[in-house]
């Protein structure tokens, strides 16, 4: 087993299916062993551990796309709880806004 330092930009995105809460954790290391590669994130005590089962994505990207991905995962949870066409339409409009937003627009 070995450990590799993660390059800047690696994040683990998690979504709680019950509450819809989305969280981001920076990946600090990758554990490499015979079974594969496991990302490691830091808890509030500074201990590195594999992200939990609620992790939906581990990706390397920039801050803007990380934020967009997090919002899109939040919207997935909202769509799963939507029951009316108005709610689905609202989620669709928000998704369109998130995906097309760029810094400096809308000011």
PDB file of N, CA and C in Angstrom:
ATOM      1  N   UNK A   1       0.848  -1.172   0.000  1.00  0.00           N
ATOM      2  CA  UNK A   1       0.000   0.000   0.000  1.00  0.00           C
ATOM      3  C   UNK A   1       0.894   1.235   0.000  1.00  0.00           C
ATOM      4  N   UNK A   2       0.460   2.242  -0.755  1.00  0.00           N
ATOM      5  CA  UNK A   2       1.186   3.509  -0.781  1.00  0.00           C
ATOM      6  C   UNK A   2       0.190   4.656  -0.792  1.00  0.00           C
ATOM      7  N   UNK A   3       0.688   5.840  -0.519  1.00  0.00           N
ATOM      8  CA  UNK A   3      -0.142   7.039  -0.498  1.00  0.00           C
ATOM      9  C   UNK A   3       0.460   8.062  -1.449  1.00  0.00           C
ATOM     10  N   UNK A   4      -0.412   8.676  -2.234  1.00  0.00           N
ATOM     11  CA  UNK A   4      -0.001   9.723  -3.164  1.00  0.00           C
ATOM     12  C   UNK A   4      -0.722  11.010  -2.786  1.00  0.00           C
ATOM     13  N   UNK A   5      -0.002  12.114  -2.791  1.00  0.00           N
ATOM     14  CA  UNK A   5      -0.619  13.410  -2.520  1.00  0.00           C
ATOM     15  C   UNK A   5      -1.503  13.773  -3.713  1.00  0.00           C
ATOM     16  N   UNK A   6      -2.724  14.186  -3.426  1.00  0.00           N
ATOM     17  CA  UNK A   6      -3.650  14.595  -4.489  1.00  0.00           C
ATOM     18  C   UNK A   6      -3.261  15.975  -4.998  1.00  0.00           C
ATOM     19  N   UNK A   7      -3.319  16.142  -6.293  1.00  0.00           N
ATOM     20  CA  UNK A   7      -3.077  17.457  -6.887  1.00  0.00           C
ATOM     21  C   UNK A   7      -4.211  18.398  -6.487  1.00  0.00           C
ATOM     22  N   UNK A   8      -3.952  19.700  -6.467  1.00  0.00           N
ATOM     23  CA  UNK A   8      -5.027  20.655  -6.172  1.00  0.00           C
ATOM     24  C   UNK A   8      -6.188  20.489  -7.149  1.00  0.00           C
ATOM     25  N   UNK A   9      -7.400  20.659  -6.661  1.00  0.00           N
ATOM     26  CA  UNK A   9      -8.585  20.579  -7.505  1.00  0.00           C
ATOM     27  C   UNK A   9      -9.396  19.306  -7.327  1.00  0.00           C
ATOM     28  N   UNK A  10      -8.852  18.294  -6.644  1.00  0.00           N
ATOM     29  CA  UNK A  10      -9.606  17.060  -6.404  1.00  0.00           C
ATOM     30  C   UNK A  10     -10.585  17.274  -5.257  1.00  0.00           C
ATOM     31  N   UNK A  11     -11.853  16.956  -5.468  1.00  0.00           N
ATOM     32  CA  UNK A  11     -12.885  17.078  -4.442  1.00  0.00           C
ATOM     33  C   UNK A  11     -13.788  15.852  -4.461  1.00  0.00           C
ATOM     34  N   UNK A  12     -14.359  15.559  -3.302  1.00  0.00           N
ATOM     35  CA  UNK A  12     -15.391  14.532  -3.172  1.00  0.00           C
ATOM     36  C   UNK A  12     -16.704  15.252  -2.891  1.00  0.00           C
ATOM     37  N   UNK A  13     -17.720  14.959  -3.691  1.00  0.00           N
ATOM     38  CA  UNK A  13     -19.035  15.572  -3.528  1.00  0.00           C
ATOM     39  C   UNK A  13     -19.969  14.506  -2.970  1.00  0.00           C
ATOM     40  N   UNK A  14     -20.634  14.832  -1.870  1.00  0.00           N
ATOM     41  CA  UNK A  14     -21.555  13.888  -1.229  1.00  0.00           C
ATOM     42  C   UNK A  14     -22.946  14.503  -1.171  1.00  0.00           C
ATOM     43  N   UNK A  15     -23.967  13.627  -1.261  1.00  0.00           N
ATOM     44  CA  UNK A  15     -25.357  14.089  -1.143  1.00  0.00           C
ATOM     45  C   UNK A  15     -26.110  13.125  -0.253  1.00  0.00           C
ATOM     46  N   UNK A  16     -26.693  13.681   0.805  1.00  0.00           N
ATOM     47  CA  UNK A  16     -27.521  12.897   1.713  1.00  0.00           C
ATOM     48  C   UNK A  16     -28.893  12.739   1.070  1.00  0.00           C
ATOM     49  N   UNK A  17     -29.297  11.508   0.768  1.00  0.00           N
ATOM     50  CA  UNK A  17     -30.573  11.265   0.085  1.00  0.00           C
ATOM     51  C   UNK A  17     -31.778  11.645   0.939  1.00  0.00           C
ATOM     52  N   UNK A  18     -31.625  11.642   2.247  1.00  0.00           N
ATOM     53  CA  UNK A  18     -32.752  11.965   3.128  1.00  0.00           C
ATOM     54  C   UNK A  18     -32.958  13.473   3.219  1.00  0.00           C
ATOM     55  N   UNK A  19     -31.893  14.211   3.502  1.00  0.00           N
ATOM     56  CA  UNK A  19     -32.019  15.653   3.710  1.00  0.00           C
ATOM     57  C   UNK A  19     -31.778  16.457   2.437  1.00  0.00           C
ATOM     58  N   UNK A  20     -31.112  15.848   1.456  1.00  0.00           N
ATOM     59  CA  UNK A  20     -30.764  16.575   0.238  1.00  0.00           C
ATOM     60  C   UNK A  20     -29.522  17.430   0.402  1.00  0.00           C
ATOM     61  N   UNK A  21     -28.917  17.409   1.587  1.00  0.00           N
ATOM     62  CA  UNK A  21     -27.729  18.226   1.863  1.00  0.00           C
ATOM     63  C   UNK A  21     -26.563  17.760   0.999  1.00  0.00           C
ATOM     64  N   UNK A  22     -25.887  18.706   0.392  1.00  0.00           N
ATOM     65  CA  UNK A  22     -24.716  18.427  -0.434  1.00  0.00           C
ATOM     66  C   UNK A  22     -23.492  18.979   0.280  1.00  0.00           C
ATOM     67  N   UNK A  23     -22.422  18.191   0.308  1.00  0.00           N
ATOM     68  CA  UNK A  23     -21.189  18.660   0.944  1.00  0.00           C
ATOM     69  C   UNK A  23     -20.003  18.387   0.029  1.00  0.00           C
ATOM     70  N   UNK A  24     -18.997  19.201   0.196  1.00  0.00           N
ATOM     71  CA  UNK A  24     -17.760  19.086  -0.575  1.00  0.00           C
ATOM     72  C   UNK A  24     -16.612  18.879   0.393  1.00  0.00           C
ATOM     73  N   UNK A  25     -15.711  17.971   0.044  1.00  0.00           N
ATOM     74  CA  UNK A  25     -14.498  17.775   0.831  1.00  0.00           C
ATOM     75  C   UNK A  25     -13.327  17.680  -0.129  1.00  0.00           C
ATOM     76  N   UNK A  26     -12.283  18.396   0.209  1.00  0.00           N
ATOM     77  CA  UNK A  26     -11.075  18.350  -0.614  1.00  0.00           C
ATOM     78  C   UNK A  26     -10.391  17.005  -0.413  1.00  0.00           C
ATOM     79  N   UNK A  27      -9.999  16.371  -1.522  1.00  0.00           N
ATOM     80  CA  UNK A  27      -9.237  15.126  -1.455  1.00  0.00           C
ATOM     81  C   UNK A  27      -7.785  15.506  -1.211  1.00  0.00           C
ATOM     82  N   UNK A  28      -7.203  14.959  -0.132  1.00  0.00           N
ATOM     83  CA  UNK A  28      -5.821  15.284   0.204  1.00  0.00           C
ATOM     84  C   UNK A  28      -4.831  14.245  -0.269  1.00  0.00           C
ATOM     85  N   UNK A  29      -5.258  12.984  -0.254  1.00  0.00           N
ATOM     86  CA  UNK A  29      -4.386  11.877  -0.637  1.00  0.00           C
ATOM     87  C   UNK A  29      -5.188  10.827  -1.384  1.00  0.00           C
ATOM     88  N   UNK A  30      -4.466   9.965  -2.084  1.00  0.00           N
ATOM     89  CA  UNK A  30      -5.036   8.756  -2.661  1.00  0.00           C
ATOM     90  C   UNK A  30      -4.276   7.586  -2.064  1.00  0.00           C
ATOM     91  N   UNK A  31      -5.020   6.593  -1.599  1.00  0.00           N
ATOM     92  CA  UNK A  31      -4.425   5.356  -1.115  1.00  0.00           C
ATOM     93  C   UNK A  31      -4.413   4.371  -2.287  1.00  0.00           C
ATOM     94  N   UNK A  32      -3.242   3.824  -2.579  1.00  0.00           N
ATOM     95  CA  UNK A  32      -3.084   2.899  -3.699  1.00  0.00           C
ATOM     96  C   UNK A  32      -2.699   1.533  -3.135  1.00  0.00           C
ATOM     97  N   UNK A  33      -3.526   0.520  -3.443  1.00  0.00           N
ATOM     98  CA  UNK A  33      -3.209  -0.835  -3.001  1.00  0.00           C
ATOM     99  C   UNK A  33      -3.641  -1.837  -4.070  1.00  0.00           C
ATOM    100  N   UNK A  34      -3.586  -3.112  -3.744  1.00  0.00           N
ATOM    101  CA  UNK A  34      -3.925  -4.167  -4.716  1.00  0.00           C
ATOM    102  C   UNK A  34      -5.371  -4.106  -5.179  1.00  0.00           C
ATOM    103  N   UNK A  35      -6.240  -3.486  -4.384  1.00  0.00           N
ATOM    104  CA  UNK A  35      -7.662  -3.414  -4.725  1.00  0.00           C
ATOM    105  C   UNK A  35      -8.016  -2.181  -5.543  1.00  0.00           C
ATOM    106  N   UNK A  36      -7.082  -1.260  -5.692  1.00  0.00           N
ATOM    107  CA  UNK A  36      -7.349  -0.069  -6.487  1.00  0.00           C
ATOM    108  C   UNK A  36      -6.881   1.205  -5.821  1.00  0.00           C
ATOM    109  N   UNK A  37      -7.550   2.289  -6.165  1.00  0.00           N
ATOM    110  CA  UNK A  37      -7.192   3.617  -5.671  1.00  0.00           C
ATOM    111  C   UNK A  37      -8.377   4.171  -4.895  1.00  0.00           C
ATOM    112  N   UNK A  38      -8.110   4.653  -3.672  1.00  0.00           N
ATOM    113  CA  UNK A  38      -9.152   5.209  -2.817  1.00  0.00           C
ATOM    114  C   UNK A  38      -8.811   6.647  -2.470  1.00  0.00           C
ATOM    115  N   UNK A  39      -9.721   7.594  -2.743  1.00  0.00           N
ATOM    116  CA  UNK A  39      -9.459   8.971  -2.326  1.00  0.00           C
ATOM    117  C   UNK A  39      -9.589   9.082  -0.805  1.00  0.00           C
ATOM    118  N   UNK A  40      -8.842   9.981  -0.215  1.00  0.00           N
ATOM    119  CA  UNK A  40      -8.902  10.216   1.224  1.00  0.00           C
ATOM    120  C   UNK A  40      -9.177  11.685   1.482  1.00  0.00           C
ATOM    121  N   UNK A  41     -10.153  11.946   2.349  1.00  0.00           N
ATOM    122  CA  UNK A  41     -10.507  13.312   2.746  1.00  0.00           C
ATOM    123  C   UNK A  41     -10.246  13.469   4.234  1.00  0.00           C
ATOM    124  N   UNK A  42     -10.159  14.715   4.693  1.00  0.00           N
ATOM    125  CA  UNK A  42      -9.832  14.988   6.089  1.00  0.00           C
ATOM    126  C   UNK A  42     -11.100  15.293   6.876  1.00  0.00           C
ATOM    127  N   UNK A  43     -11.214  14.709   8.082  1.00  0.00           N
ATOM    128  CA  UNK A  43     -12.345  15.036   8.951  1.00  0.00           C
ATOM    129  C   UNK A  43     -11.999  16.255   9.806  1.00  0.00           C
ATOM    130  N   UNK A  44     -12.931  16.675  10.655  1.00  0.00           N
ATOM    131  CA  UNK A  44     -12.730  17.889  11.465  1.00  0.00           C
ATOM    132  C   UNK A  44     -11.589  17.753  12.473  1.00  0.00           C
ATOM    133  N   UNK A  45     -11.131  16.514  12.749  1.00  0.00           N
ATOM    134  CA  UNK A  45     -10.004  16.300  13.651  1.00  0.00           C
ATOM    135  C   UNK A  45      -8.670  16.202  12.916  1.00  0.00           C
ATOM    136  N   UNK A  46      -8.708  16.312  11.590  1.00  0.00           N
ATOM    137  CA  UNK A  46      -7.492  16.249  10.811  1.00  0.00           C
ATOM    138  C   UNK A  46      -7.073  14.849  10.397  1.00  0.00           C
ATOM    139  N   UNK A  47      -7.943  13.865  10.608  1.00  0.00           N
ATOM    140  CA  UNK A  47      -7.646  12.479  10.248  1.00  0.00           C
ATOM    141  C   UNK A  47      -8.149  12.218   8.826  1.00  0.00           C
ATOM    142  N   UNK A  48      -7.317  11.590   8.016  1.00  0.00           N
ATOM    143  CA  UNK A  48      -7.718  11.261   6.646  1.00  0.00           C
ATOM    144  C   UNK A  48      -8.437   9.924   6.614  1.00  0.00           C
ATOM    145  N   UNK A  49      -9.520   9.849   5.833  1.00  0.00           N
ATOM    146  CA  UNK A  49     -10.333   8.641   5.723  1.00  0.00           C
ATOM    147  C   UNK A  49     -11.009   8.615   4.358  1.00  0.00           C
ATOM    148  N   UNK A  50     -11.473   7.443   3.907  1.00  0.00           N
ATOM    149  CA  UNK A  50     -12.206   7.388   2.641  1.00  0.00           C
ATOM    150  C   UNK A  50     -13.549   8.102   2.778  1.00  0.00           C
ATOM    151  N   UNK A  51     -14.008   8.787   1.736  1.00  0.00           N
ATOM    152  CA  UNK A  51     -15.320   9.425   1.822  1.00  0.00           C
ATOM    153  C   UNK A  51     -16.407   8.354   1.985  1.00  0.00           C
ATOM    154  N   UNK A  52     -17.520   8.741   2.583  1.00  0.00           N
ATOM    155  CA  UNK A  52     -18.587   7.800   2.906  1.00  0.00           C
ATOM    156  C   UNK A  52     -19.405   7.345   1.713  1.00  0.00           C
ATOM    157  N   UNK A  53     -20.376   6.469   1.978  1.00  0.00           N
ATOM    158  CA  UNK A  53     -21.207   5.913   0.909  1.00  0.00           C
ATOM    159  C   UNK A  53     -22.111   6.948   0.242  1.00  0.00           C
ATOM    160  N   UNK A  54     -22.288   8.097   0.884  1.00  0.00           N
ATOM    161  CA  UNK A  54     -23.121   9.146   0.282  1.00  0.00           C
ATOM    162  C   UNK A  54     -22.370   9.936  -0.797  1.00  0.00           C
ATOM    163  N   UNK A  55     -21.093   9.612  -1.010  1.00  0.00           N
ATOM    164  CA  UNK A  55     -20.295  10.286  -2.029  1.00  0.00           C
ATOM    165  C   UNK A  55     -20.826   9.930  -3.409  1.00  0.00           C
ATOM    166  N   UNK A  56     -21.127  10.955  -4.184  1.00  0.00           N
ATOM    167  CA  UNK A  56     -21.680  10.742  -5.523  1.00  0.00           C
ATOM    168  C   UNK A  56     -20.657  11.004  -6.623  1.00  0.00           C
ATOM    169  N   UNK A  57     -19.573  11.681  -6.260  1.00  0.00           N
ATOM    170  CA  UNK A  57     -18.595  12.031  -7.294  1.00  0.00           C
ATOM    171  C   UNK A  57     -17.269  12.398  -6.654  1.00  0.00           C
ATOM    172  N   UNK A  58     -16.186  11.929  -7.237  1.00  0.00           N
ATOM    173  CA  UNK A  58     -14.837  12.378  -6.897  1.00  0.00           C
ATOM    174  C   UNK A  58     -14.241  12.842  -8.213  1.00  0.00           C
ATOM    175  N   UNK A  59     -13.855  14.111  -8.245  1.00  0.00           N
ATOM    176  CA  UNK A  59     -13.474  14.712  -9.531  1.00  0.00           C
ATOM    177  C   UNK A  59     -12.407  15.774  -9.314  1.00  0.00           C
ATOM    178  N   UNK A  60     -11.616  15.976 -10.347  1.00  0.00           N
ATOM    179  CA  UNK A  60     -10.646  17.074 -10.343  1.00  0.00           C
ATOM    180  C   UNK A  60     -11.158  18.138 -11.300  1.00  0.00           C
ATOM    181  N   UNK A  61     -11.373  19.333 -10.774  1.00  0.00           N
ATOM    182  CA  UNK A  61     -11.887  20.421 -11.586  1.00  0.00           C
ATOM    183  C   UNK A  61     -11.553  21.743 -10.909  1.00  0.00           C
ATOM    184  N   UNK A  62     -11.977  22.826 -11.509  1.00  0.00           N
ATOM    185  CA  UNK A  62     -11.732  24.138 -10.919  1.00  0.00           C
ATOM    186  C   UNK A  62     -12.887  24.519  -9.988  1.00  0.00           C
ATOM    187  N   UNK A  63     -12.711  25.606  -9.272  1.00  0.00           N
ATOM    188  CA  UNK A  63     -13.684  26.018  -8.254  1.00  0.00           C
ATOM    189  C   UNK A  63     -15.077  26.283  -8.839  1.00  0.00           C
ATOM    190  N   UNK A  64     -15.150  26.934  -9.998  1.00  0.00           N
ATOM    191  CA  UNK A  64     -16.447  27.235 -10.598  1.00  0.00           C
ATOM    192  C   UNK A  64     -17.208  25.956 -10.937  1.00  0.00           C
ATOM    193  N   UNK A  65     -16.531  25.008 -11.575  1.00  0.00           N
ATOM    194  CA  UNK A  65     -17.211  23.772 -11.957  1.00  0.00           C
ATOM    195  C   UNK A  65     -17.520  22.896 -10.743  1.00  0.00           C
ATOM    196  N   UNK A  66     -16.701  22.970  -9.709  1.00  0.00           N
ATOM    197  CA  UNK A  66     -17.021  22.274  -8.468  1.00  0.00           C
ATOM    198  C   UNK A  66     -18.321  22.814  -7.890  1.00  0.00           C
ATOM    199  N   UNK A  67     -18.459  24.130  -7.861  1.00  0.00           N
ATOM    200  CA  UNK A  67     -19.691  24.741  -7.343  1.00  0.00           C
ATOM    201  C   UNK A  67     -20.890  24.359  -8.201  1.00  0.00           C
ATOM    202  N   UNK A  68     -20.723  24.379  -9.512  1.00  0.00           N
ATOM    203  CA  UNK A  68     -21.826  24.007 -10.397  1.00  0.00           C
ATOM    204  C   UNK A  68     -22.236  22.550 -10.187  1.00  0.00           C
ATOM    205  N   UNK A  69     -21.249  21.665 -10.062  1.00  0.00           N
ATOM    206  CA  UNK A  69     -21.559  20.253  -9.816  1.00  0.00           C
ATOM    207  C   UNK A  69     -22.300  20.072  -8.499  1.00  0.00           C
ATOM    208  N   UNK A  70     -21.849  20.777  -7.466  1.00  0.00           N
ATOM    209  CA  UNK A  70     -22.515  20.674  -6.171  1.00  0.00           C
ATOM    210  C   UNK A  70     -23.969  21.124  -6.278  1.00  0.00           C
ATOM    211  N   UNK A  71     -24.204  22.236  -6.968  1.00  0.00           N
ATOM    212  CA  UNK A  71     -25.582  22.722  -7.141  1.00  0.00           C
ATOM    213  C   UNK A  71     -26.417  21.755  -7.960  1.00  0.00           C
ATOM    214  N   UNK A  72     -25.822  21.154  -8.976  1.00  0.00           N
ATOM    215  CA  UNK A  72     -26.575  20.202  -9.791  1.00  0.00           C
ATOM    216  C   UNK A  72     -26.954  18.970  -8.965  1.00  0.00           C
ATOM    217  N   UNK A  73     -26.074  18.520  -8.083  1.00  0.00           N
ATOM    218  CA  UNK A  73     -26.428  17.392  -7.209  1.00  0.00           C
ATOM    219  C   UNK A  73     -27.536  17.790  -6.231  1.00  0.00           C
ATOM    220  N   UNK A  74     -27.504  19.034  -5.775  1.00  0.00           N
ATOM    221  CA  UNK A  74     -28.581  19.535  -4.918  1.00  0.00           C
ATOM    222  C   UNK A  74     -29.905  19.536  -5.697  1.00  0.00           C
ATOM    223  N   UNK A  75     -29.864  19.960  -6.935  1.00  0.00           N
ATOM    224  CA  UNK A  75     -31.069  19.995  -7.765  1.00  0.00           C
ATOM    225  C   UNK A  75     -31.588  18.595  -8.084  1.00  0.00           C
ATOM    226  N   UNK A  76     -30.697  17.622  -8.194  1.00  0.00           N
ATOM    227  CA  UNK A  76     -31.141  16.236  -8.390  1.00  0.00           C
ATOM    228  C   UNK A  76     -32.008  15.808  -7.210  1.00  0.00           C
ATOM    229  N   UNK A  77     -31.563  16.134  -6.007  1.00  0.00           N
ATOM    230  CA  UNK A  77     -32.353  15.819  -4.819  1.00  0.00           C
ATOM    231  C   UNK A  77     -33.696  16.523  -4.829  1.00  0.00           C
ATOM    232  N   UNK A  78     -33.707  17.772  -5.267  1.00  0.00           N
ATOM    233  CA  UNK A  78     -34.972  18.511  -5.345  1.00  0.00           C
ATOM    234  C   UNK A  78     -35.896  17.880  -6.380  1.00  0.00           C
ATOM    235  N   UNK A  79     -35.352  17.458  -7.514  1.00  0.00           N
ATOM    236  CA  UNK A  79     -36.162  16.827  -8.556  1.00  0.00           C
ATOM    237  C   UNK A  79     -36.743  15.501  -8.062  1.00  0.00           C
ATOM    238  N   UNK A  80     -35.969  14.782  -7.268  1.00  0.00           N
ATOM    239  CA  UNK A  80     -36.449  13.502  -6.736  1.00  0.00           C
ATOM    240  C   UNK A  80     -37.620  13.694  -5.773  1.00  0.00           C
ATOM    241  N   UNK A  81     -37.669  14.855  -5.125  1.00  0.00           N
ATOM    242  CA  UNK A  81     -38.760  15.132  -4.180  1.00  0.00           C
ATOM    243  C   UNK A  81     -39.911  15.903  -4.813  1.00  0.00           C
ATOM    244  N   UNK A  82     -39.728  16.385  -6.037  1.00  0.00           N
ATOM    245  CA  UNK A  82     -40.775  17.158  -6.709  1.00  0.00           C
ATOM    246  C   UNK A  82     -41.982  16.269  -7.011  1.00  0.00           C
ATOM    247  N   UNK A  83     -43.169  16.857  -6.871  1.00  0.00           N
ATOM    248  CA  UNK A  83     -44.397  16.094  -7.121  1.00  0.00           C
ATOM    249  C   UNK A  83     -45.322  16.763  -8.127  1.00  0.00           C
ATOM    250  N   UNK A  84     -45.087  18.023  -8.433  1.00  0.00           N
ATOM    251  CA  UNK A  84     -45.957  18.720  -9.383  1.00  0.00           C
ATOM    252  C   UNK A  84     -45.153  19.172 -10.590  1.00  0.00           C
ATOM    253  N   UNK A  85     -45.855  19.440 -11.681  1.00  0.00           N
ATOM    254  CA  UNK A  85     -45.156  19.914 -12.881  1.00  0.00           C
ATOM    255  C   UNK A  85     -44.513  21.275 -12.631  1.00  0.00           C
ATOM    256  N   UNK A  86     -45.116  22.102 -11.797  1.00  0.00           N
ATOM    257  CA  UNK A  86     -44.530  23.409 -11.477  1.00  0.00           C
ATOM    258  C   UNK A  86     -43.195  23.232 -10.751  1.00  0.00           C
ATOM    259  N   UNK A  87     -43.121  22.262  -9.842  1.00  0.00           N
ATOM    260  CA  UNK A  87     -41.864  22.009  -9.132  1.00  0.00           C
ATOM    261  C   UNK A  87     -40.800  21.483 -10.095  1.00  0.00           C
ATOM    262  N   UNK A  88     -41.170  20.559 -10.978  1.00  0.00           N
ATOM    263  CA  UNK A  88     -40.216  20.051 -11.968  1.00  0.00           C
ATOM    264  C   UNK A  88     -39.731  21.177 -12.877  1.00  0.00           C
ATOM    265  N   UNK A  89     -40.652  22.047 -13.312  1.00  0.00           N
ATOM    266  CA  UNK A  89     -40.278  23.172 -14.168  1.00  0.00           C
ATOM    267  C   UNK A  89     -39.311  24.112 -13.451  1.00  0.00           C
ATOM    268  N   UNK A  90     -39.562  24.360 -12.169  1.00  0.00           N
ATOM    269  CA  UNK A  90     -38.681  25.244 -11.398  1.00  0.00           C
ATOM    270  C   UNK A  90     -37.278  24.647 -11.286  1.00  0.00           C
ATOM    271  N   UNK A  91     -37.196  23.351 -11.025  1.00  0.00           N
ATOM    272  CA  UNK A  91     -35.886  22.690 -10.941  1.00  0.00           C
ATOM    273  C   UNK A  91     -35.177  22.768 -12.289  1.00  0.00           C
ATOM    274  N   UNK A  92     -35.910  22.572 -13.361  1.00  0.00           N
ATOM    275  CA  UNK A  92     -35.323  22.638 -14.699  1.00  0.00           C
ATOM    276  C   UNK A  92     -34.784  24.040 -14.991  1.00  0.00           C
ATOM    277  N   UNK A  93     -35.541  25.082 -14.615  1.00  0.00           N
ATOM    278  CA  UNK A  93     -35.078  26.465 -14.832  1.00  0.00           C
ATOM    279  C   UNK A  93     -33.829  26.751 -13.997  1.00  0.00           C
ATOM    280  N   UNK A  94     -33.819  26.272 -12.758  1.00  0.00           N
ATOM    281  CA  UNK A  94     -32.642  26.470 -11.908  1.00  0.00           C
ATOM    282  C   UNK A  94     -31.430  25.745 -12.478  1.00  0.00           C
ATOM    283  N   UNK A  95     -31.625  24.528 -12.969  1.00  0.00           N
ATOM    284  CA  UNK A  95     -30.516  23.772 -13.554  1.00  0.00           C
ATOM    285  C   UNK A  95     -29.948  24.510 -14.762  1.00  0.00           C
ATOM    286  N   UNK A  96     -30.814  25.050 -15.587  1.00  0.00           N
ATOM    287  CA  UNK A  96     -30.377  25.807 -16.748  1.00  0.00           C
ATOM    288  C   UNK A  96     -29.572  27.033 -16.321  1.00  0.00           C
ATOM    289  N   UNK A  97     -30.071  27.721 -15.287  1.00  0.00           N
ATOM    290  CA  UNK A  97     -29.368  28.895 -14.773  1.00  0.00           C
ATOM    291  C   UNK A  97     -27.978  28.515 -14.256  1.00  0.00           C
ATOM    292  N   UNK A  98     -27.908  27.457 -13.450  1.00  0.00           N
ATOM    293  CA  UNK A  98     -26.627  27.031 -12.869  1.00  0.00           C
ATOM    294  C   UNK A  98     -25.631  26.669 -13.965  1.00  0.00           C
ATOM    295  N   UNK A  99     -26.063  25.885 -14.926  1.00  0.00           N
ATOM    296  CA  UNK A  99     -25.144  25.423 -15.967  1.00  0.00           C
ATOM    297  C   UNK A  99     -24.654  26.552 -16.876  1.00  0.00           C
ATOM    298  N   UNK A 100     -25.460  27.591 -17.049  1.00  0.00           N
ATOM    299  CA  UNK A 100     -25.085  28.676 -17.956  1.00  0.00           C
ATOM    300  C   UNK A 100     -24.489  29.882 -17.258  1.00  0.00           C
ATOM    301  N   UNK A 101     -24.493  29.907 -15.927  1.00  0.00           N
ATOM    302  CA  UNK A 101     -23.964  31.056 -15.200  1.00  0.00           C
ATOM    303  C   UNK A 101     -22.449  31.124 -15.321  1.00  0.00           C
ATOM    304  N   UNK A 102     -21.941  32.307 -15.526  1.00  0.00           N
ATOM    305  CA  UNK A 102     -20.506  32.571 -15.547  1.00  0.00           C
ATOM    306  C   UNK A 102     -20.234  33.787 -14.681  1.00  0.00           C
ATOM    307  N   UNK A 103     -19.079  33.858 -14.041  1.00  0.00           N
ATOM    308  CA  UNK A 103     -18.753  35.026 -13.224  1.00  0.00           C
ATOM    309  C   UNK A 103     -18.886  36.316 -14.008  1.00  0.00           C
ATOM    310  N   UNK A 104     -19.461  37.316 -13.382  1.00  0.00           N
ATOM    311  CA  UNK A 104     -19.619  38.617 -14.024  1.00  0.00           C
ATOM    312  C   UNK A 104     -20.961  38.804 -14.716  1.00  0.00           C
ATOM    313  N   UNK A 105     -21.711  37.705 -14.904  1.00  0.00           N
ATOM    314  CA  UNK A 105     -23.039  37.820 -15.533  1.00  0.00           C
ATOM    315  C   UNK A 105     -24.083  38.156 -14.488  1.00  0.00           C
ATOM    316  N   UNK A 106     -25.095  38.835 -14.905  1.00  0.00           N
ATOM    317  CA  UNK A 106     -26.216  39.126 -14.003  1.00  0.00           C
ATOM    318  C   UNK A 106     -25.968  40.276 -13.059  1.00  0.00           C
ATOM    319  N   UNK A 107     -24.937  41.062 -13.320  1.00  0.00           N
ATOM    320  CA  UNK A 107     -24.653  42.192 -12.441  1.00  0.00           C
ATOM    321  C   UNK A 107     -25.296  43.437 -12.967  1.00  0.00           C
TER     322      UNK A 107
END
